[in-house]
Amino acid sequence: MLKEMASGNANCPEWASFTLGVFMCQSCSGFHRNIPHISRVKSVLLDPWEASEVEVGS
């Protein structure tokens, strides 16, 4: 999986984990959705964001 992430598939990071403060591609967001106790994922473009969720990444 790390190889896939490093291969350039993450060149369109339209998803983000607001609990970890990282951006990711759609493929990686699927993995993160399977570990909701560690990483909560939202679309950067489609989902509404609360101010507290945005502050995690700053």
PDB file of N, CA and C in Angstrom:
ATOM      1  N   MET A   1       0.813  -1.190   0.000  1.00  0.00           N
ATOM      2  CA  MET A   1       0.000   0.000   0.000  1.00  0.00           C
ATOM      3  C   MET A   1       0.858   1.256   0.000  1.00  0.00           C
ATOM      4  N   LEU A   2       1.923   1.266   0.789  1.00  0.00           N
ATOM      5  CA  LEU A   2       2.790   2.444   0.796  1.00  0.00           C
ATOM      6  C   LEU A   2       3.408   2.678  -0.576  1.00  0.00           C
ATOM      7  N   LYS A   3       3.700   1.590  -1.269  1.00  0.00           N
ATOM      8  CA  LYS A   3       4.256   1.715  -2.615  1.00  0.00           C
ATOM      9  C   LYS A   3       3.247   2.403  -3.534  1.00  0.00           C
ATOM     10  N   GLU A   4       1.965   2.037  -3.420  1.00  0.00           N
ATOM     11  CA  GLU A   4       0.926   2.656  -4.233  1.00  0.00           C
ATOM     12  C   GLU A   4       0.810   4.141  -3.907  1.00  0.00           C
ATOM     13  N   MET A   5       0.912   4.490  -2.640  1.00  0.00           N
ATOM     14  CA  MET A   5       0.808   5.891  -2.238  1.00  0.00           C
ATOM     15  C   MET A   5       1.967   6.701  -2.793  1.00  0.00           C
ATOM     16  N   ALA A   6       3.136   6.109  -2.816  1.00  0.00           N
ATOM     17  CA  ALA A   6       4.328   6.821  -3.283  1.00  0.00           C
ATOM     18  C   ALA A   6       4.456   6.828  -4.796  1.00  0.00           C
ATOM     19  N   SER A   7       3.652   6.031  -5.489  1.00  0.00           N
ATOM     20  CA  SER A   7       3.804   5.900  -6.935  1.00  0.00           C
ATOM     21  C   SER A   7       3.210   7.064  -7.720  1.00  0.00           C
ATOM     22  N   GLY A   8       2.612   8.015  -7.042  1.00  0.00           N
ATOM     23  CA  GLY A   8       2.046   9.152  -7.750  1.00  0.00           C
ATOM     24  C   GLY A   8       0.536   9.116  -7.819  1.00  0.00           C
ATOM     25  N   ASN A   9      -0.083   8.093  -7.240  1.00  0.00           N
ATOM     26  CA  ASN A   9      -1.535   8.019  -7.238  1.00  0.00           C
ATOM     27  C   ASN A   9      -2.156   9.076  -6.334  1.00  0.00           C
ATOM     28  N   ALA A  10      -1.346   9.717  -5.531  1.00  0.00           N
ATOM     29  CA  ALA A  10      -1.849  10.726  -4.602  1.00  0.00           C
ATOM     30  C   ALA A  10      -1.658  12.140  -5.154  1.00  0.00           C
ATOM     31  N   ASN A  11      -1.575  12.276  -6.475  1.00  0.00           N
ATOM     32  CA  ASN A  11      -1.344  13.598  -7.049  1.00  0.00           C
ATOM     33  C   ASN A  11      -2.607  14.447  -7.083  1.00  0.00           C
ATOM     34  N   CYS A  12      -3.744  13.893  -6.725  1.00  0.00           N
ATOM     35  CA  CYS A  12      -5.006  14.627  -6.638  1.00  0.00           C
ATOM     36  C   CYS A  12      -5.593  14.439  -5.253  1.00  0.00           C
ATOM     37  N   PRO A  13      -4.998  15.032  -4.244  1.00  0.00           N
ATOM     38  CA  PRO A  13      -5.494  14.800  -2.882  1.00  0.00           C
ATOM     39  C   PRO A  13      -6.805  15.540  -2.617  1.00  0.00           C
ATOM     40  N   GLU A  14      -7.914  14.944  -3.027  1.00  0.00           N
ATOM     41  CA  GLU A  14      -9.216  15.565  -2.846  1.00  0.00           C
ATOM     42  C   GLU A  14      -9.931  15.063  -1.594  1.00  0.00           C
ATOM     43  N   TRP A  15      -9.217  14.323  -0.758  1.00  0.00           N
ATOM     44  CA  TRP A  15      -9.770  13.793   0.478  1.00  0.00           C
ATOM     45  C   TRP A  15      -8.814  14.140   1.612  1.00  0.00           C
ATOM     46  N   ALA A  16      -9.339  14.188   2.824  1.00  0.00           N
ATOM     47  CA  ALA A  16      -8.487  14.508   3.962  1.00  0.00           C
ATOM     48  C   ALA A  16      -8.977  13.793   5.205  1.00  0.00           C
ATOM     49  N   SER A  17      -8.042  13.424   6.046  1.00  0.00           N
ATOM     50  CA  SER A  17      -8.364  12.903   7.369  1.00  0.00           C
ATOM     51  C   SER A  17      -8.297  14.088   8.320  1.00  0.00           C
ATOM     52  N   PHE A  18      -9.461  14.477   8.849  1.00  0.00           N
ATOM     53  CA  PHE A  18      -9.451  15.629   9.741  1.00  0.00           C
ATOM     54  C   PHE A  18      -8.978  15.256  11.138  1.00  0.00           C
ATOM     55  N   THR A  19      -8.888  13.982  11.448  1.00  0.00           N
ATOM     56  CA  THR A  19      -8.329  13.583  12.739  1.00  0.00           C
ATOM     57  C   THR A  19      -6.808  13.501  12.704  1.00  0.00           C
ATOM     58  N   LEU A  20      -6.248  13.187  11.533  1.00  0.00           N
ATOM     59  CA  LEU A  20      -4.794  13.090  11.396  1.00  0.00           C
ATOM     60  C   LEU A  20      -4.165  14.332  10.774  1.00  0.00           C
ATOM     61  N   GLY A  21      -4.981  15.143  10.104  1.00  0.00           N
ATOM     62  CA  GLY A  21      -4.461  16.358   9.483  1.00  0.00           C
ATOM     63  C   GLY A  21      -3.650  16.091   8.234  1.00  0.00           C
ATOM     64  N   VAL A  22      -4.066  15.092   7.417  1.00  0.00           N
ATOM     65  CA  VAL A  22      -3.353  14.763   6.180  1.00  0.00           C
ATOM     66  C   VAL A  22      -4.317  14.718   5.001  1.00  0.00           C
ATOM     67  N   PHE A  23      -3.805  15.030   3.823  1.00  0.00           N
ATOM     68  CA  PHE A  23      -4.569  14.939   2.582  1.00  0.00           C
ATOM     69  C   PHE A  23      -4.211  13.634   1.887  1.00  0.00           C
ATOM     70  N   MET A  24      -5.164  13.113   1.073  1.00  0.00           N
ATOM     71  CA  MET A  24      -4.932  11.837   0.404  1.00  0.00           C
ATOM     72  C   MET A  24      -5.773  11.727  -0.859  1.00  0.00           C
ATOM     73  N   CYS A  25      -5.440  10.732  -1.678  1.00  0.00           N
ATOM     74  CA  CYS A  25      -6.218  10.450  -2.886  1.00  0.00           C
ATOM     75  C   CYS A  25      -7.455   9.629  -2.513  1.00  0.00           C
ATOM     76  N   GLN A  26      -8.322   9.415  -3.468  1.00  0.00           N
ATOM     77  CA  GLN A  26      -9.554   8.673  -3.216  1.00  0.00           C
ATOM     78  C   GLN A  26      -9.266   7.226  -2.811  1.00  0.00           C
ATOM     79  N   SER A  27      -8.278   6.622  -3.427  1.00  0.00           N
ATOM     80  CA  SER A  27      -7.930   5.244  -3.098  1.00  0.00           C
ATOM     81  C   SER A  27      -7.509   5.112  -1.635  1.00  0.00           C
ATOM     82  N   CYS A  28      -6.676   6.008  -1.186  1.00  0.00           N
ATOM     83  CA  CYS A  28      -6.221   5.974   0.202  1.00  0.00           C
ATOM     84  C   CYS A  28      -7.349   6.321   1.168  1.00  0.00           C
ATOM     85  N   SER A  29      -8.272   7.158   0.735  1.00  0.00           N
ATOM     86  CA  SER A  29      -9.392   7.513   1.607  1.00  0.00           C
ATOM     87  C   SER A  29     -10.234   6.283   1.916  1.00  0.00           C
ATOM     88  N   GLY A  30     -10.331   5.352   0.963  1.00  0.00           N
ATOM     89  CA  GLY A  30     -11.058   4.112   1.201  1.00  0.00           C
ATOM     90  C   GLY A  30     -10.433   3.301   2.318  1.00  0.00           C
ATOM     91  N   PHE A  31      -9.116   3.239   2.347  1.00  0.00           N
ATOM     92  CA  PHE A  31      -8.415   2.541   3.428  1.00  0.00           C
ATOM     93  C   PHE A  31      -8.693   3.223   4.763  1.00  0.00           C
ATOM     94  N   HIS A  32      -8.593   4.552   4.779  1.00  0.00           N
ATOM     95  CA  HIS A  32      -8.798   5.302   6.014  1.00  0.00           C
ATOM     96  C   HIS A  32     -10.231   5.186   6.529  1.00  0.00           C
ATOM     97  N   ARG A  33     -11.179   5.048   5.635  1.00  0.00           N
ATOM     98  CA  ARG A  33     -12.575   4.862   6.055  1.00  0.00           C
ATOM     99  C   ARG A  33     -12.777   3.546   6.802  1.00  0.00           C
ATOM    100  N   ASN A  34     -11.898   2.591   6.576  1.00  0.00           N
ATOM    101  CA  ASN A  34     -11.980   1.304   7.269  1.00  0.00           C
ATOM    102  C   ASN A  34     -11.373   1.328   8.664  1.00  0.00           C
ATOM    103  N   ILE A  35     -10.768   2.448   9.028  1.00  0.00           N
ATOM    104  CA  ILE A  35     -10.195   2.576  10.376  1.00  0.00           C
ATOM    105  C   ILE A  35     -10.728   3.856  11.041  1.00  0.00           C
ATOM    106  N   PRO A  36     -12.060   3.955  11.198  1.00  0.00           N
ATOM    107  CA  PRO A  36     -12.653   5.193  11.713  1.00  0.00           C
ATOM    108  C   PRO A  36     -12.267   5.527  13.152  1.00  0.00           C
ATOM    109  N   HIS A  37     -11.791   4.543  13.894  1.00  0.00           N
ATOM    110  CA  HIS A  37     -11.339   4.809  15.260  1.00  0.00           C
ATOM    111  C   HIS A  37      -9.982   5.525  15.268  1.00  0.00           C
ATOM    112  N   ILE A  38      -9.316   5.568  14.115  1.00  0.00           N
ATOM    113  CA  ILE A  38      -8.022   6.245  13.988  1.00  0.00           C
ATOM    114  C   ILE A  38      -8.116   7.452  13.062  1.00  0.00           C
ATOM    115  N   SER A  39      -8.819   7.300  11.948  1.00  0.00           N
ATOM    116  CA  SER A  39      -8.833   8.334  10.909  1.00  0.00           C
ATOM    117  C   SER A  39     -10.255   8.600  10.422  1.00  0.00           C
ATOM    118  N   ARG A  40     -10.694   9.835  10.507  1.00  0.00           N
ATOM    119  CA  ARG A  40     -12.009  10.236  10.001  1.00  0.00           C
ATOM    120  C   ARG A  40     -11.782  11.032   8.722  1.00  0.00           C
ATOM    121  N   VAL A  41     -12.431  10.625   7.636  1.00  0.00           N
ATOM    122  CA  VAL A  41     -12.166  11.156   6.300  1.00  0.00           C
ATOM    123  C   VAL A  41     -13.349  11.948   5.758  1.00  0.00           C
ATOM    124  N   LYS A  42     -13.019  13.038   5.054  1.00  0.00           N
ATOM    125  CA  LYS A  42     -14.022  13.840   4.356  1.00  0.00           C
ATOM    126  C   LYS A  42     -13.473  14.267   3.002  1.00  0.00           C
ATOM    127  N   SER A  43     -14.392  14.523   2.085  1.00  0.00           N
ATOM    128  CA  SER A  43     -14.003  15.078   0.793  1.00  0.00           C
ATOM    129  C   SER A  43     -13.684  16.561   0.975  1.00  0.00           C
ATOM    130  N   VAL A  44     -12.597  16.996   0.378  1.00  0.00           N
ATOM    131  CA  VAL A  44     -12.219  18.406   0.449  1.00  0.00           C
ATOM    132  C   VAL A  44     -13.223  19.258  -0.316  1.00  0.00           C
ATOM    133  N   LEU A  45     -13.767  18.705  -1.394  1.00  0.00           N
ATOM    134  CA  LEU A  45     -14.648  19.474  -2.272  1.00  0.00           C
ATOM    135  C   LEU A  45     -16.136  19.295  -1.977  1.00  0.00           C
ATOM    136  N   LEU A  46     -16.547  18.127  -1.516  1.00  0.00           N
ATOM    137  CA  LEU A  46     -17.964  17.821  -1.419  1.00  0.00           C
ATOM    138  C   LEU A  46     -18.565  17.888  -0.015  1.00  0.00           C
ATOM    139  N   ASP A  47     -17.768  17.621   0.996  1.00  0.00           N
ATOM    140  CA  ASP A  47     -18.292  17.567   2.363  1.00  0.00           C
ATOM    141  C   ASP A  47     -18.178  18.901   3.087  1.00  0.00           C
ATOM    142  N   PRO A  48     -19.155  19.210   3.940  1.00  0.00           N
ATOM    143  CA  PRO A  48     -19.032  20.412   4.767  1.00  0.00           C
ATOM    144  C   PRO A  48     -17.997  20.175   5.866  1.00  0.00           C
ATOM    145  N   TRP A  49     -17.280  21.228   6.207  1.00  0.00           N
ATOM    146  CA  TRP A  49     -16.237  21.149   7.232  1.00  0.00           C
ATOM    147  C   TRP A  49     -16.560  22.099   8.374  1.00  0.00           C
ATOM    148  N   GLU A  50     -16.414  21.608   9.595  1.00  0.00           N
ATOM    149  CA  GLU A  50     -16.546  22.453  10.783  1.00  0.00           C
ATOM    150  C   GLU A  50     -15.200  23.136  11.031  1.00  0.00           C
ATOM    151  N   ALA A  51     -15.236  24.292  11.675  1.00  0.00           N
ATOM    152  CA  ALA A  51     -13.989  25.021  11.973  1.00  0.00           C
ATOM    153  C   ALA A  51     -13.043  24.157  12.803  1.00  0.00           C
ATOM    154  N   SER A  52     -13.562  23.388  13.734  1.00  0.00           N
ATOM    155  CA  SER A  52     -12.714  22.543  14.579  1.00  0.00           C
ATOM    156  C   SER A  52     -12.010  21.456  13.774  1.00  0.00           C
ATOM    157  N   GLU A  53     -12.628  20.980  12.699  1.00  0.00           N
ATOM    158  CA  GLU A  53     -12.004  19.975  11.849  1.00  0.00           C
ATOM    159  C   GLU A  53     -10.882  20.584  11.015  1.00  0.00           C
ATOM    160  N   VAL A  54     -11.055  21.799  10.583  1.00  0.00           N
ATOM    161  CA  VAL A  54     -10.037  22.481   9.786  1.00  0.00           C
ATOM    162  C   VAL A  54      -8.835  22.832  10.651  1.00  0.00           C
ATOM    163  N   GLU A  55      -9.058  23.171  11.889  1.00  0.00           N
ATOM    164  CA  GLU A  55      -7.969  23.565  12.792  1.00  0.00           C
ATOM    165  C   GLU A  55      -6.991  22.441  13.065  1.00  0.00           C
ATOM    166  N   VAL A  56      -7.412  21.202  12.968  1.00  0.00           N
ATOM    167  CA  VAL A  56      -6.513  20.071  13.201  1.00  0.00           C
ATOM    168  C   VAL A  56      -5.356  20.106  12.224  1.00  0.00           C
ATOM    169  N   GLY A  57      -5.621  20.477  10.985  1.00  0.00           N
ATOM    170  CA  GLY A  57      -4.586  20.496   9.959  1.00  0.00           C
ATOM    171  C   GLY A  57      -3.722  21.737   9.950  1.00  0.00           C
ATOM    172  N   SER A  58      -4.032  22.709  10.776  1.00  0.00           N
ATOM    173  CA  SER A  58      -3.245  23.948  10.744  1.00  0.00           C
ATOM    174  C   SER A  58      -2.128  23.959  11.753  1.00  0.00           C
TER     175      SER A  58
END
